[in-house]
N, C-alpha and C. Protein backbone atom coordinates (compact mmCIF):
# COMPACT_ATOMS: atom_id res chain seq x y z
N MET A 1 -11.04 -96.32 55.84
CA MET A 1 -10.94 -94.99 55.86
C MET A 1 -10.35 -94.37 55.05
N TRP A 2 -9.25 -95.12 54.30
CA TRP A 2 -8.50 -94.86 52.70
C TRP A 2 -9.38 -94.91 51.87
N LYS A 3 -10.45 -96.00 51.97
CA LYS A 3 -11.03 -96.23 51.12
C LYS A 3 -12.44 -94.84 50.52
N SER A 4 -12.17 -94.16 51.95
CA SER A 4 -13.18 -92.89 51.08
C SER A 4 -12.14 -91.51 51.24
N PHE A 5 -11.49 -91.95 51.78
CA PHE A 5 -10.57 -90.28 51.26
C PHE A 5 -10.21 -90.47 49.95
N ALA A 6 -10.10 -92.10 48.98
CA ALA A 6 -9.99 -92.05 48.09
C ALA A 6 -11.13 -91.57 46.56
N LYS A 7 -12.55 -92.16 47.52
CA LYS A 7 -13.83 -91.78 46.85
C LYS A 7 -13.44 -90.23 47.34
N MET A 8 -13.16 -89.74 48.25
CA MET A 8 -13.20 -87.71 48.09
C MET A 8 -12.35 -86.82 47.62
N GLU A 9 -10.82 -87.64 47.14
CA GLU A 9 -10.26 -87.44 46.02
C GLU A 9 -10.68 -87.33 44.89
N LYS A 10 -11.79 -88.26 44.09
CA LYS A 10 -11.99 -87.99 42.78
C LYS A 10 -13.05 -86.74 42.94
N LYS A 11 -13.71 -86.85 43.46
CA LYS A 11 -14.70 -85.70 43.87
C LYS A 11 -14.16 -84.41 43.76
N SER A 12 -13.41 -84.34 44.64
CA SER A 12 -12.29 -82.34 45.06
C SER A 12 -11.40 -83.47 45.38
N PRO A 13 -10.12 -82.81 44.09
CA PRO A 13 -8.89 -83.28 44.60
C PRO A 13 -8.31 -82.51 45.74
N VAL A 14 -8.66 -81.39 46.24
CA VAL A 14 -8.11 -80.03 47.22
C VAL A 14 -8.34 -80.65 48.53
N PHE A 15 -9.60 -81.12 48.65
CA PHE A 15 -9.89 -81.35 50.12
C PHE A 15 -8.97 -82.21 50.82
N PRO A 16 -8.81 -83.44 50.64
CA PRO A 16 -7.69 -84.14 51.37
C PRO A 16 -6.77 -83.30 51.79
N ARG A 17 -6.18 -83.08 50.54
CA ARG A 17 -4.79 -82.68 50.91
C ARG A 17 -4.44 -81.16 51.64
N GLU A 18 -5.74 -80.58 52.15
CA GLU A 18 -6.32 -79.17 52.32
C GLU A 18 -6.02 -79.95 53.84
N ARG A 19 -7.31 -81.02 54.42
CA ARG A 19 -7.58 -81.39 55.30
C ARG A 19 -6.09 -82.23 55.84
N GLN A 20 -4.98 -83.01 55.60
CA GLN A 20 -3.88 -83.25 55.91
C GLN A 20 -2.93 -82.16 55.70
N LYS A 21 -2.75 -80.78 55.22
CA LYS A 21 -2.23 -79.83 55.61
C LYS A 21 -2.59 -79.16 57.08
N ARG A 22 -3.62 -79.48 57.06
CA ARG A 22 -4.48 -78.60 58.49
C ARG A 22 -3.79 -79.33 59.76
N TRP A 23 -3.99 -80.92 59.91
CA TRP A 23 -3.77 -82.27 60.32
C TRP A 23 -1.94 -82.18 61.01
N ASP A 24 -1.17 -81.55 59.55
CA ASP A 24 0.48 -81.96 59.93
C ASP A 24 0.68 -80.51 60.55
N ALA A 25 0.15 -78.99 60.56
CA ALA A 25 0.16 -78.42 60.96
C ALA A 25 0.05 -78.41 62.66
N GLU A 26 -0.96 -78.75 62.71
CA GLU A 26 -1.49 -78.79 64.22
C GLU A 26 -0.89 -79.86 65.14
N ASN A 27 -0.42 -80.85 64.29
CA ASN A 27 0.34 -82.24 64.99
C ASN A 27 2.00 -82.55 64.99
N LEU A 28 2.49 -81.94 63.82
CA LEU A 28 3.75 -82.45 63.27
C LEU A 28 4.74 -81.59 64.30
N ARG A 29 5.71 -81.62 64.68
CA ARG A 29 6.74 -80.62 64.98
C ARG A 29 8.08 -81.61 64.17
N THR A 30 8.88 -80.33 64.10
CA THR A 30 10.44 -80.26 63.48
C THR A 30 11.33 -80.62 64.53
N VAL A 31 12.26 -81.54 64.22
CA VAL A 31 13.58 -81.78 65.39
C VAL A 31 14.51 -81.74 64.15
N SER A 32 15.94 -81.19 64.89
CA SER A 32 16.43 -81.48 63.66
C SER A 32 18.58 -80.87 64.56
N THR A 33 19.36 -81.13 63.52
CA THR A 33 20.44 -80.90 64.18
C THR A 33 21.39 -80.37 63.27
N LYS A 34 22.27 -79.81 63.47
CA LYS A 34 23.34 -79.26 62.43
C LYS A 34 24.74 -80.43 62.70
N MET A 35 25.60 -80.64 62.07
CA MET A 35 26.28 -81.34 61.79
C MET A 35 27.31 -80.24 60.93
N ILE A 36 28.51 -81.38 61.48
CA ILE A 36 29.72 -80.29 60.17
C ILE A 36 29.86 -80.74 58.70
N ARG A 37 29.94 -80.02 57.36
CA ARG A 37 29.76 -80.07 56.37
C ARG A 37 30.36 -81.99 55.97
N GLU A 38 31.57 -81.79 56.73
CA GLU A 38 32.19 -83.48 56.04
C GLU A 38 31.04 -84.57 56.50
N GLU A 39 30.66 -84.28 57.55
CA GLU A 39 29.62 -85.44 58.79
C GLU A 39 28.30 -85.37 57.30
N ARG A 40 27.79 -83.99 57.30
CA ARG A 40 26.64 -84.20 56.53
C ARG A 40 26.91 -84.97 55.35
N ALA A 41 28.20 -84.68 54.16
CA ALA A 41 28.71 -85.24 53.14
C ALA A 41 28.67 -87.11 53.61
N ILE A 42 29.15 -87.60 54.57
CA ILE A 42 29.24 -88.60 54.72
C ILE A 42 27.65 -89.26 55.02
N LEU A 43 27.15 -88.70 55.97
CA LEU A 43 25.72 -88.92 56.00
C LEU A 43 25.21 -89.21 54.28
N CYS A 44 24.82 -88.16 54.28
CA CYS A 44 24.05 -88.18 52.60
C CYS A 44 24.43 -89.33 51.84
N SER A 45 25.99 -89.41 51.83
CA SER A 45 26.03 -90.54 50.97
C SER A 45 25.49 -91.77 51.35
N LEU A 46 26.08 -91.90 52.50
CA LEU A 46 25.38 -93.74 53.56
C LEU A 46 24.51 -93.85 53.45
N CYS A 47 23.20 -92.59 53.56
CA CYS A 47 21.33 -92.75 52.94
C CYS A 47 21.27 -92.78 51.42
N GLU A 48 22.04 -92.46 50.40
CA GLU A 48 21.58 -92.78 49.17
C GLU A 48 21.89 -94.55 49.34
N ARG A 49 23.40 -94.59 49.59
CA ARG A 49 23.76 -95.93 49.35
C ARG A 49 22.60 -96.72 49.52
N GLU A 50 21.99 -96.62 50.73
CA GLU A 50 21.24 -97.47 51.61
C GLU A 50 20.25 -97.31 50.83
N LYS A 51 19.72 -96.36 50.14
CA LYS A 51 18.15 -95.82 49.25
C LYS A 51 17.70 -95.34 50.72
N VAL A 52 18.01 -94.43 51.47
CA VAL A 52 17.13 -93.84 52.71
C VAL A 52 17.21 -92.64 52.50
N SER A 53 16.35 -91.72 52.87
CA SER A 53 16.69 -90.52 52.73
C SER A 53 17.07 -89.73 54.23
N VAL A 54 17.75 -88.38 54.44
CA VAL A 54 18.86 -88.72 56.05
C VAL A 54 17.11 -88.30 57.01
N TYR A 55 16.24 -87.62 56.25
CA TYR A 55 15.36 -87.23 57.23
C TYR A 55 14.65 -88.85 57.97
N GLU A 56 14.29 -89.64 57.00
CA GLU A 56 14.13 -91.41 57.42
C GLU A 56 14.76 -91.90 58.62
N LEU A 57 16.28 -91.91 58.23
CA LEU A 57 17.28 -92.55 58.93
C LEU A 57 16.42 -91.77 60.93
N LEU A 58 16.84 -90.37 60.18
CA LEU A 58 17.01 -89.76 61.81
C LEU A 58 15.80 -90.05 62.72
N ARG A 59 14.18 -90.04 61.53
CA ARG A 59 13.41 -90.47 62.37
C ARG A 59 13.39 -91.64 62.58
N ARG A 60 13.98 -92.86 62.24
CA ARG A 60 14.02 -94.61 62.61
C ARG A 60 14.68 -94.46 63.87
N LEU A 61 16.20 -93.71 64.10
CA LEU A 61 17.29 -93.08 64.85
C LEU A 61 16.45 -92.97 66.11
N VAL A 62 15.98 -91.79 65.91
CA VAL A 62 15.17 -91.18 67.03
C VAL A 62 14.20 -91.85 67.44
N ARG A 63 12.85 -92.76 67.03
CA ARG A 63 12.02 -93.40 67.35
C ARG A 63 12.84 -94.74 68.51
N GLN A 64 14.03 -94.96 67.60
CA GLN A 64 14.44 -96.34 68.19
C GLN A 64 14.91 -96.49 69.71
N TRP A 65 15.31 -94.54 69.62
CA TRP A 65 15.96 -94.65 71.26
C TRP A 65 14.74 -94.23 72.38
N MET A 66 14.08 -93.55 71.37
CA MET A 66 12.53 -93.07 72.35
C MET A 66 12.28 -94.51 72.79
N MET A 67 11.87 -95.23 71.67
CA MET A 67 11.39 -96.69 72.30
C MET A 67 12.30 -96.83 73.62
N GLU A 68 13.50 -97.19 73.70
CA GLU A 68 14.10 -97.88 74.45
C GLU A 68 14.19 -97.41 76.10
N GLU A 69 14.56 -95.93 75.60
CA GLU A 69 14.53 -95.01 76.85
C GLU A 69 12.92 -95.02 77.66
N ALA A 70 12.03 -95.25 76.61
CA ALA A 70 10.45 -95.20 77.17
C ALA A 70 10.70 -96.71 78.13
N ALA A 71 11.01 -97.79 78.03
CA ALA A 71 10.99 -99.10 78.33
C ALA A 71 11.60 -99.07 79.67
N ARG A 72 12.53 -98.21 79.94
CA ARG A 72 13.98 -97.97 80.97
C ARG A 72 13.19 -97.00 82.06
N HIS A 73 12.37 -96.19 81.40
CA HIS A 73 11.38 -94.64 82.04
C HIS A 73 9.91 -94.64 81.66
N PRO A 74 9.29 -95.45 82.44
CA PRO A 74 7.72 -95.49 82.01
C PRO A 74 6.94 -93.82 82.17
N GLU A 75 7.77 -93.96 83.73
CA GLU A 75 7.19 -92.32 84.67
C GLU A 75 7.46 -91.43 83.45
N ALA A 76 8.61 -91.45 82.60
CA ALA A 76 8.89 -89.70 82.23
C ALA A 76 7.66 -89.72 81.23
N VAL A 77 7.20 -90.85 80.04
CA VAL A 77 6.95 -90.82 79.00
C VAL A 77 5.49 -90.45 79.30
N GLU A 78 4.70 -91.13 80.51
CA GLU A 78 3.28 -90.49 81.20
C GLU A 78 3.03 -89.30 81.60
N ALA A 79 4.29 -88.69 82.30
CA ALA A 79 4.55 -87.80 82.35
C ALA A 79 4.38 -86.46 81.09
N ALA A 80 4.96 -86.82 80.10
CA ALA A 80 4.86 -86.26 78.78
C ALA A 80 4.15 -86.26 78.32
N LEU A 81 3.80 -87.56 78.02
CA LEU A 81 1.91 -87.38 77.24
C LEU A 81 0.85 -86.15 78.39
N ARG A 82 0.84 -86.57 80.24
CA ARG A 82 0.19 -85.28 80.52
C ARG A 82 0.28 -84.17 79.69
N ASP A 83 1.37 -83.80 79.93
CA ASP A 83 1.88 -82.67 79.51
C ASP A 83 1.56 -81.84 78.59
N ALA A 84 1.85 -82.53 77.65
CA ALA A 84 1.21 -82.87 75.99
C ALA A 84 0.04 -82.43 75.67
N GLU A 85 -0.86 -82.91 76.39
CA GLU A 85 -2.34 -82.87 76.58
C GLU A 85 -2.69 -81.10 77.26
N ARG A 86 -2.12 -80.39 77.95
CA ARG A 86 -2.45 -79.44 78.37
C ARG A 86 -2.31 -78.43 76.99
N PRO A 87 -3.24 -77.19 77.29
CA PRO A 87 -2.77 -76.43 75.70
C PRO A 87 -2.00 -75.67 75.63
C-alpha cells in the first residue's frame, strides 16, 4: 500500500495529501482538556525532557486507559462501536 502511495506522490505530489486530508476530516476528532498555566508549563517541560509532544503523551495515556477499561467493560465497547456505525 505505501509503495503505491510513493509512486502516486512522484506523479502528483498533491493527490496523496488531499486524500489524507479528506480521510482525516471524515475520521478524526479532537479530544482536549484545559489546565491551569502552571500545570501546562510543567507538562510541557516534562514532555520536552522526554522528547515527546504533549499531544503524543495524551494520545498514549488515553489509549492505554481505554484499553484497560475495554478489558473490564467489553459490552460498553460493543455498544459504542454499534453507535459509531450509525449515520
